[in-house]
N, C-alpha and C. Protein backbone atom coordinates (compact mmCIF):
# COMPACT_ATOMS: atom_id res chain seq x y z
N MET A 1 -10.23 61.14 -33.23
CA MET A 1 -10.48 60.22 -34.28
C MET A 1 -11.00 61.07 -35.48
N PRO A 2 -10.68 60.60 -36.55
CA PRO A 2 -11.30 61.47 -37.71
C PRO A 2 -12.77 61.43 -37.70
N GLU A 3 -13.50 62.60 -38.05
CA GLU A 3 -14.88 62.48 -37.99
C GLU A 3 -15.58 61.61 -38.68
N ARG A 4 -15.01 60.95 -39.85
CA ARG A 4 -15.97 60.20 -40.49
C ARG A 4 -15.69 58.65 -39.88
N LEU A 5 -14.71 58.51 -39.17
CA LEU A 5 -14.65 57.10 -38.54
C LEU A 5 -15.32 57.13 -37.07
N ARG A 6 -15.71 58.21 -36.70
CA ARG A 6 -16.14 58.19 -35.19
C ARG A 6 -17.27 57.15 -34.96
N PRO A 7 -18.52 57.14 -35.98
CA PRO A 7 -19.58 56.44 -35.84
C PRO A 7 -19.15 54.73 -35.77
N ALA A 8 -18.03 54.39 -36.50
CA ALA A 8 -17.74 53.14 -36.52
C ALA A 8 -16.95 52.76 -35.34
N GLU A 9 -16.06 53.57 -35.10
CA GLU A 9 -15.33 53.55 -33.74
C GLU A 9 -16.30 53.26 -32.62
N GLU A 10 -17.25 54.16 -32.48
CA GLU A 10 -18.31 54.10 -31.45
C GLU A 10 -19.06 52.61 -31.39
N ALA A 11 -19.32 52.24 -32.59
CA ALA A 11 -19.99 51.00 -32.57
C ALA A 11 -19.06 49.91 -32.33
N PHE A 12 -17.89 49.89 -32.73
CA PHE A 12 -16.67 48.90 -32.24
C PHE A 12 -16.66 48.92 -30.64
N THR A 13 -16.54 50.00 -30.00
CA THR A 13 -16.40 50.25 -28.55
C THR A 13 -17.48 49.49 -27.91
N ALA A 14 -18.72 49.73 -28.37
CA ALA A 14 -19.76 49.37 -27.65
C ALA A 14 -19.91 47.71 -27.87
N GLN A 15 -19.58 47.29 -28.95
CA GLN A 15 -19.45 45.68 -29.08
C GLN A 15 -18.40 45.15 -28.47
N ALA A 16 -17.36 45.79 -28.23
CA ALA A 16 -16.06 45.29 -27.59
C ALA A 16 -16.40 45.31 -26.14
N GLU A 17 -17.13 46.25 -25.67
CA GLU A 17 -17.52 46.12 -24.35
C GLU A 17 -18.44 44.99 -23.96
N ARG A 18 -19.36 44.64 -24.89
CA ARG A 18 -20.47 43.60 -24.75
C ARG A 18 -19.79 42.37 -24.65
N VAL A 19 -18.72 42.05 -25.63
CA VAL A 19 -17.94 40.84 -25.82
C VAL A 19 -17.24 40.78 -24.43
N ALA A 20 -16.65 41.84 -24.01
CA ALA A 20 -15.80 41.56 -22.73
C ALA A 20 -16.70 41.24 -21.58
N ALA A 21 -17.84 41.84 -21.51
CA ALA A 21 -18.92 41.70 -20.37
C ALA A 21 -19.27 40.25 -20.53
N ALA A 22 -19.67 39.60 -21.72
CA ALA A 22 -19.98 38.38 -21.71
C ALA A 22 -18.92 37.35 -21.44
N ARG A 23 -17.76 37.45 -21.67
CA ARG A 23 -16.73 36.83 -21.25
C ARG A 23 -16.55 36.73 -19.82
N ARG A 24 -16.72 37.89 -19.16
CA ARG A 24 -16.72 37.89 -17.73
C ARG A 24 -17.80 37.18 -17.04
N VAL A 25 -18.93 37.15 -17.84
CA VAL A 25 -20.18 36.32 -17.06
C VAL A 25 -19.75 35.01 -17.19
N VAL A 26 -19.32 34.40 -18.18
CA VAL A 26 -19.11 32.92 -18.32
C VAL A 26 -17.99 32.49 -17.28
N LEU A 27 -16.96 33.32 -17.35
CA LEU A 27 -15.76 33.11 -16.30
C LEU A 27 -16.19 33.25 -14.90
N SER A 28 -17.17 34.02 -14.44
CA SER A 28 -17.52 34.23 -13.29
C SER A 28 -18.35 33.03 -12.91
N CYS A 29 -18.80 32.09 -13.61
CA CYS A 29 -19.58 30.98 -13.37
C CYS A 29 -18.73 29.74 -12.99
N LEU A 30 -17.38 29.74 -13.17
CA LEU A 30 -16.45 28.64 -12.70
C LEU A 30 -16.35 28.43 -11.48
N PRO A 31 -16.44 27.35 -11.03
CA PRO A 31 -16.48 27.10 -9.27
C PRO A 31 -15.17 27.21 -8.78
N VAL A 32 -14.89 28.49 -8.39
CA VAL A 32 -13.67 28.94 -7.60
C VAL A 32 -13.98 29.55 -6.32
N GLY A 33 -13.26 29.60 -5.30
CA GLY A 33 -13.63 30.39 -4.26
C GLY A 33 -14.74 29.57 -3.27
N ARG A 34 -15.30 30.30 -2.31
CA ARG A 34 -16.22 29.70 -1.33
C ARG A 34 -17.83 29.86 -1.84
N VAL A 35 -17.90 30.99 -2.75
CA VAL A 35 -19.30 31.26 -3.14
C VAL A 35 -19.71 30.20 -4.46
N ASP A 36 -20.96 29.77 -4.14
CA ASP A 36 -21.54 28.95 -5.36
C ASP A 36 -21.75 29.97 -6.44
N PRO A 37 -21.25 29.86 -7.68
CA PRO A 37 -21.46 30.50 -8.66
C PRO A 37 -22.65 30.28 -9.51
N ALA A 38 -23.10 30.86 -10.51
CA ALA A 38 -24.29 30.51 -11.38
C ALA A 38 -23.84 29.25 -12.24
N PRO A 39 -24.69 28.26 -12.57
CA PRO A 39 -24.17 27.08 -13.35
C PRO A 39 -23.43 27.64 -14.56
N VAL A 40 -22.40 26.90 -14.89
CA VAL A 40 -21.73 27.22 -16.26
C VAL A 40 -22.47 27.27 -17.40
N PRO A 41 -23.39 26.35 -17.51
CA PRO A 41 -24.34 26.33 -18.65
C PRO A 41 -25.07 27.58 -18.91
N VAL A 42 -25.50 28.11 -17.74
CA VAL A 42 -26.24 29.46 -17.74
C VAL A 42 -25.14 30.59 -18.31
N GLY A 43 -24.07 30.66 -17.81
CA GLY A 43 -22.89 31.44 -18.22
C GLY A 43 -22.69 31.41 -19.70
N LEU A 44 -22.73 29.96 -20.18
CA LEU A 44 -22.47 29.77 -21.61
C LEU A 44 -23.72 30.40 -22.42
N ASP A 45 -24.78 30.24 -22.01
CA ASP A 45 -26.16 30.69 -22.77
C ASP A 45 -25.92 32.30 -22.71
N VAL A 46 -25.70 32.97 -21.78
CA VAL A 46 -25.64 34.36 -21.80
C VAL A 46 -24.51 34.76 -22.75
N LEU A 47 -23.35 34.09 -22.59
CA LEU A 47 -22.31 34.54 -23.74
C LEU A 47 -22.75 34.13 -25.03
N ALA A 48 -23.29 33.13 -25.38
CA ALA A 48 -23.90 32.72 -26.78
C ALA A 48 -24.73 33.89 -27.26
N ASP A 49 -25.72 33.98 -26.56
CA ASP A 49 -26.72 35.14 -26.86
C ASP A 49 -26.16 36.50 -27.27
N GLU A 50 -25.12 36.78 -26.43
CA GLU A 50 -24.60 38.22 -26.41
C GLU A 50 -23.67 38.14 -27.73
N LEU A 51 -22.97 36.98 -28.00
CA LEU A 51 -22.13 36.97 -29.04
C LEU A 51 -22.99 36.85 -30.33
N ALA A 52 -23.99 36.30 -30.49
CA ALA A 52 -24.83 36.24 -31.65
C ALA A 52 -25.54 37.61 -31.88
N ALA A 53 -25.92 38.44 -30.87
CA ALA A 53 -26.26 39.64 -31.04
C ALA A 53 -25.27 40.80 -31.65
N VAL A 54 -24.22 40.49 -31.04
CA VAL A 54 -22.97 41.37 -31.63
C VAL A 54 -22.80 40.82 -32.97
N ALA A 55 -22.61 39.79 -33.28
CA ALA A 55 -22.34 39.26 -34.72
C ALA A 55 -23.45 39.89 -35.74
N ALA A 56 -24.82 39.84 -35.31
CA ALA A 56 -25.63 40.81 -36.20
C ALA A 56 -25.30 42.06 -36.30
N GLU A 57 -24.70 42.67 -35.44
CA GLU A 57 -24.33 44.25 -35.36
C GLU A 57 -23.00 44.74 -35.84
N LEU A 58 -22.25 43.49 -36.22
CA LEU A 58 -20.83 43.80 -36.71
C LEU A 58 -20.82 44.58 -37.85
N PRO A 59 -21.36 44.59 -38.84
CA PRO A 59 -21.18 45.62 -39.97
C PRO A 59 -21.08 46.95 -39.58
N ALA A 60 -21.62 47.40 -38.53
CA ALA A 60 -21.59 48.75 -37.99
C ALA A 60 -20.30 49.53 -37.88
N TRP A 61 -19.09 48.83 -37.83
CA TRP A 61 -17.79 49.10 -37.79
C TRP A 61 -17.02 48.64 -38.87
N ARG A 62 -17.41 47.99 -39.92
CA ARG A 62 -16.52 47.63 -40.92
C ARG A 62 -16.20 48.91 -41.79
N THR A 63 -15.00 49.00 -41.83
CA THR A 63 -14.41 50.07 -42.76
C THR A 63 -12.88 49.53 -43.27
N PRO A 64 -12.71 50.28 -44.40
CA PRO A 64 -11.38 49.80 -45.01
C PRO A 64 -10.18 49.96 -43.86
N GLU A 65 -10.24 50.74 -43.14
CA GLU A 65 -9.11 51.02 -42.14
C GLU A 65 -9.04 49.93 -41.17
N VAL A 66 -10.04 49.24 -40.80
CA VAL A 66 -9.75 48.19 -39.83
C VAL A 66 -10.32 46.84 -40.69
N GLU A 67 -10.36 46.72 -41.91
CA GLU A 67 -11.01 45.45 -42.41
C GLU A 67 -10.49 44.13 -41.88
N THR A 68 -9.08 44.04 -41.80
CA THR A 68 -8.46 42.93 -41.33
C THR A 68 -8.90 42.32 -39.86
N HIS A 69 -8.91 43.49 -39.16
CA HIS A 69 -9.18 43.28 -37.80
C HIS A 69 -10.72 42.97 -37.51
N TRP A 70 -11.51 43.64 -38.45
CA TRP A 70 -13.00 43.30 -38.48
C TRP A 70 -13.17 41.69 -38.80
N GLU A 71 -12.44 41.48 -39.88
CA GLU A 71 -12.58 39.79 -40.25
C GLU A 71 -12.16 39.13 -39.18
N ARG A 72 -10.99 39.40 -38.37
CA ARG A 72 -10.57 38.52 -37.41
C ARG A 72 -11.58 38.64 -36.22
N CYS A 73 -12.26 39.50 -35.89
CA CYS A 73 -13.35 39.56 -34.70
C CYS A 73 -14.45 38.73 -35.28
N ARG A 74 -14.88 39.04 -36.43
CA ARG A 74 -16.03 38.16 -37.03
C ARG A 74 -15.73 36.66 -37.05
N ALA A 75 -14.40 36.33 -37.25
CA ALA A 75 -14.01 34.87 -37.16
C ALA A 75 -14.06 34.43 -35.70
N SER A 76 -13.62 35.36 -34.81
CA SER A 76 -13.43 35.00 -33.52
C SER A 76 -14.81 34.72 -32.84
N LEU A 77 -15.89 35.40 -33.29
CA LEU A 77 -17.20 35.15 -32.77
C LEU A 77 -17.76 33.74 -33.39
N ASP A 78 -17.46 33.52 -34.63
CA ASP A 78 -17.92 32.33 -35.24
C ASP A 78 -17.24 30.99 -34.29
N GLU A 79 -15.86 31.19 -34.13
CA GLU A 79 -15.11 29.98 -33.40
C GLU A 79 -15.56 30.00 -32.01
N ALA A 80 -16.13 31.20 -31.34
CA ALA A 80 -16.37 30.87 -29.77
C ALA A 80 -17.79 30.22 -29.97
N LEU A 81 -18.67 30.79 -30.79
CA LEU A 81 -20.02 30.27 -30.84
C LEU A 81 -20.05 28.71 -31.26
N ALA A 82 -19.09 28.33 -32.14
CA ALA A 82 -18.90 26.87 -32.42
C ALA A 82 -18.45 26.09 -31.35
N ALA A 83 -17.63 26.77 -30.35
CA ALA A 83 -17.07 25.88 -29.11
C ALA A 83 -18.23 25.64 -28.14
N VAL A 84 -19.32 26.64 -28.21
CA VAL A 84 -20.13 26.69 -27.09
C VAL A 84 -20.79 25.18 -26.77
N PRO A 85 -21.37 24.34 -27.72
CA PRO A 85 -21.85 23.11 -27.55
C PRO A 85 -20.92 22.08 -27.01
N ALA A 86 -19.80 22.03 -27.28
CA ALA A 86 -18.70 21.33 -26.37
C ALA A 86 -18.62 21.72 -25.09
N ALA A 87 -18.59 22.92 -24.92
CA ALA A 87 -18.44 23.50 -23.54
C ALA A 87 -19.71 23.08 -22.75
N HIS A 88 -20.92 23.00 -23.23
CA HIS A 88 -22.09 22.68 -22.53
C HIS A 88 -22.02 21.20 -22.18
N ARG A 89 -21.44 20.40 -23.07
CA ARG A 89 -21.41 18.98 -22.85
C ARG A 89 -20.56 18.63 -21.73
N VAL A 90 -19.17 19.32 -21.53
CA VAL A 90 -18.25 19.13 -20.56
C VAL A 90 -19.11 19.64 -19.33
N ALA A 91 -19.87 20.74 -19.44
CA ALA A 91 -20.41 21.25 -18.10
C ALA A 91 -21.47 20.36 -17.60
N ALA A 92 -22.20 19.60 -18.49
CA ALA A 92 -23.09 18.74 -18.03
C ALA A 92 -22.67 17.36 -17.68
N THR A 93 -21.43 17.10 -17.77
CA THR A 93 -20.96 15.81 -17.37
C THR A 93 -19.69 15.88 -16.25
N SER A 94 -19.30 17.03 -16.13
CA SER A 94 -18.03 17.15 -15.26
C SER A 94 -18.18 18.40 -14.24
N SER A 95 -17.73 18.06 -13.16
CA SER A 95 -17.52 19.28 -12.13
C SER A 95 -16.13 19.43 -11.63
N GLU A 96 -15.30 18.97 -12.30
CA GLU A 96 -13.91 19.15 -12.24
C GLU A 96 -13.39 20.63 -12.94
N LEU A 97 -12.73 21.26 -12.06
CA LEU A 97 -12.39 22.69 -12.34
C LEU A 97 -11.64 22.67 -13.63
N GLU A 98 -10.69 21.78 -13.87
CA GLU A 98 -9.78 21.60 -14.87
C GLU A 98 -10.29 21.65 -16.26
N GLU A 99 -11.16 20.57 -16.21
CA GLU A 99 -12.17 20.26 -17.49
C GLU A 99 -13.02 21.47 -17.73
N LEU A 100 -13.76 22.15 -16.71
CA LEU A 100 -14.59 23.19 -17.03
C LEU A 100 -13.83 24.36 -17.61
N LEU A 101 -12.68 24.66 -16.94
CA LEU A 101 -11.67 25.73 -17.23
C LEU A 101 -11.28 25.38 -18.73
N GLY A 102 -10.94 24.39 -19.17
CA GLY A 102 -10.45 23.98 -20.59
C GLY A 102 -11.70 24.20 -21.57
N ALA A 103 -12.75 23.87 -21.05
CA ALA A 103 -13.85 23.93 -22.17
C ALA A 103 -14.37 25.36 -22.30
N VAL A 104 -14.34 26.18 -21.07
CA VAL A 104 -14.62 27.45 -21.14
C VAL A 104 -13.61 28.36 -21.90
N GLU A 105 -12.45 27.92 -21.65
CA GLU A 105 -11.36 28.73 -22.36
C GLU A 105 -11.22 28.73 -23.81
N ASP A 106 -12.00 27.32 -24.40
CA ASP A 106 -11.94 27.15 -25.80
C ASP A 106 -13.00 27.93 -26.39
N VAL A 107 -14.09 28.47 -25.45
CA VAL A 107 -14.89 29.42 -25.95
C VAL A 107 -14.36 30.92 -25.99
N VAL A 108 -13.79 31.31 -24.85
CA VAL A 108 -13.44 32.78 -24.75
C VAL A 108 -12.09 33.20 -25.13
N GLU A 109 -11.10 32.25 -25.45
CA GLU A 109 -9.88 32.28 -25.83
C GLU A 109 -9.79 33.28 -27.19
N PRO A 110 -10.55 32.85 -28.24
CA PRO A 110 -10.45 33.45 -29.57
C PRO A 110 -10.90 35.02 -29.41
N LEU A 111 -11.73 35.13 -28.53
CA LEU A 111 -12.35 36.53 -28.51
C LEU A 111 -11.32 37.66 -28.00
N GLY A 112 -10.64 37.22 -26.91
CA GLY A 112 -9.71 38.15 -26.38
C GLY A 112 -8.48 38.74 -27.43
N HIS A 113 -7.93 37.78 -27.95
CA HIS A 113 -6.83 38.39 -28.91
C HIS A 113 -7.48 39.21 -30.00
N ALA A 114 -8.50 38.71 -30.73
CA ALA A 114 -8.90 39.41 -31.82
C ALA A 114 -9.48 40.66 -31.65
N TRP A 115 -10.30 40.72 -30.45
CA TRP A 115 -10.99 41.92 -30.18
C TRP A 115 -9.81 43.04 -29.57
N GLY A 116 -8.81 42.47 -28.71
CA GLY A 116 -7.83 43.50 -28.20
C GLY A 116 -6.96 43.81 -29.40
N GLU A 117 -6.60 43.24 -30.46
CA GLU A 117 -5.91 43.67 -31.34
C GLU A 117 -6.72 44.68 -32.24
N ALA A 118 -8.15 44.54 -32.29
CA ALA A 118 -8.81 45.57 -32.96
C ALA A 118 -8.89 46.82 -32.18
N GLU A 119 -8.89 46.76 -30.92
CA GLU A 119 -8.91 47.98 -30.08
C GLU A 119 -7.59 48.79 -30.33
N ARG A 120 -6.58 48.13 -30.44
CA ARG A 120 -5.19 48.56 -30.48
C ARG A 120 -5.10 49.33 -31.85
N ARG A 121 -5.79 48.74 -33.09
CA ARG A 121 -5.87 49.39 -34.35
C ARG A 121 -6.61 50.48 -34.14
N TRP A 122 -7.80 50.68 -33.54
CA TRP A 122 -8.60 51.77 -33.59
C TRP A 122 -7.88 52.89 -32.85
N ARG A 123 -6.99 52.57 -31.69
CA ARG A 123 -6.27 53.63 -30.89
C ARG A 123 -5.25 54.08 -31.87
N ALA A 124 -4.63 53.40 -32.94
CA ALA A 124 -3.69 53.82 -33.84
C ALA A 124 -4.01 54.77 -34.79
N LEU A 125 -5.63 54.76 -35.12
CA LEU A 125 -6.16 55.59 -36.03
C LEU A 125 -6.39 57.09 -35.53
N ARG A 126 -6.26 57.24 -34.33
CA ARG A 126 -6.50 58.50 -33.72
C ARG A 126 -5.50 59.45 -34.03
N VAL A 127 -6.15 60.78 -34.35
CA VAL A 127 -5.17 61.87 -34.79
C VAL A 127 -4.79 62.68 -33.63
N ARG A 128 -3.62 63.05 -33.45
CA ARG A 128 -3.29 64.08 -32.51
C ARG A 128 -3.69 65.43 -32.97
N SER A 129 -4.16 66.12 -32.06
CA SER A 129 -4.64 67.63 -32.49
C SER A 129 -3.62 68.53 -31.72
């Protein structure tokens, strides 16, 4: 990575890991298998808190080289956070896996694509030595 982009890339990587971990937390709350998971609303709260924290730190990796991807990641955080209240309502009124999965997917789906594309863009910026 060019030296001038290293701090921004490191900030992106740390934030992307936090987003991925938050997605895993909420997905681990879905009632599958024999083990009773944590309640879905708890996972949604963890995810919302983590996404809000990442959103506050997002400017740390905003550079012209990744501006489009930065905008998409910012929008994905907004979209995911906006979907949390509806997912909470579904979790409070349904124990049907299909309904819970759909509600949780509405929250986590926007994150995967945007952050994955941004990661690929950062990798493309690496210079071979």
